Amino acid sequence: MALAAVTLDGAGTLFGVAEPVGETYARVAARHGMRLSPADLESRFRAAFAAAPPLAFPGGSPTRLADHERAWWYALVRRVFGPAATSPAFDTGFAELFAHYARPDAWRVFPEVPEALAALRARRLRLALVSNFDQRLVALVAGLGLAPLLDAVVHSTAAGAAKPDPAIFRVALARLAVDPGDALHAGDDIDRDVAGARAAGLHAVLVDRDARSSPLPDDAVRITRLDELAGVVDFLSQRPGI
């Protein structure tokens, strides 16, 4: 039986930042009188993002969701800026960064992605974006021109769960009206995407654009470009039991 759906990670899989985060943070900081090293900010951002709590607020009031999201990012950016966050100009700089990453020009779609998504849709697969992101994602995906190629956009703050929690994958599968065993998830993070999807019962593909060569479970697949995914779908769909 052929697969019925593919879910996909967002940042790192379909699109990436237009310039390194450290450079953007340093430029905005300098505009507000804070002189910080782009390399240090890049390193601090990666560490802070990895250590941050899940970007999800289960049980939170939907009317307060935007406040919760902004507070999550505010705390993260304060950690990234370190002592400079005590500057009176920090709040203004944070507001500029928060608005910046809501704009399509802050991001770039990887060149092969539109054609790769079109190839999946040509196979009559239902497609969903599943991302640890906030509600800015919906307008962002539209602004990047990806919305017509997707059947659903599921971000963690709306789902009340963030990858690798299987719950976010279940939300996406419900939106697509497919069972876990009939779906495949592709993303660039071994823990959040591969392990999370497998825990939810989906097949999993690692999109390893940097060829990191990290070990994978035996039944997981590694690709380096999204346009390889259609071939994986074809192969899996021909296997007995799929």
Foldseek 3Di string as FASTA:
>chain_A
DFFAAEEEEDDPAFKHFPDQPLVVLQVLCVVLPHHDGSVLLSVQLVVLVVPADQLADPPDDPVCLVVSNLVSVLVSVCSSSDPCCVDPCNVVSSVVVVVLVLALNRMAGPPCNVVLLVLCVVVVHAYEYEYQHGPSVVVNCVNNVNVVSHQYYQYRHVQRHAFLALSSVVVVCVSVVDQQDSYEYEEADCRRFVVSSVVNNHAYEHQPLPPPVDDHPPRYYYDNHSSCVSVVSVVVRPDPPD
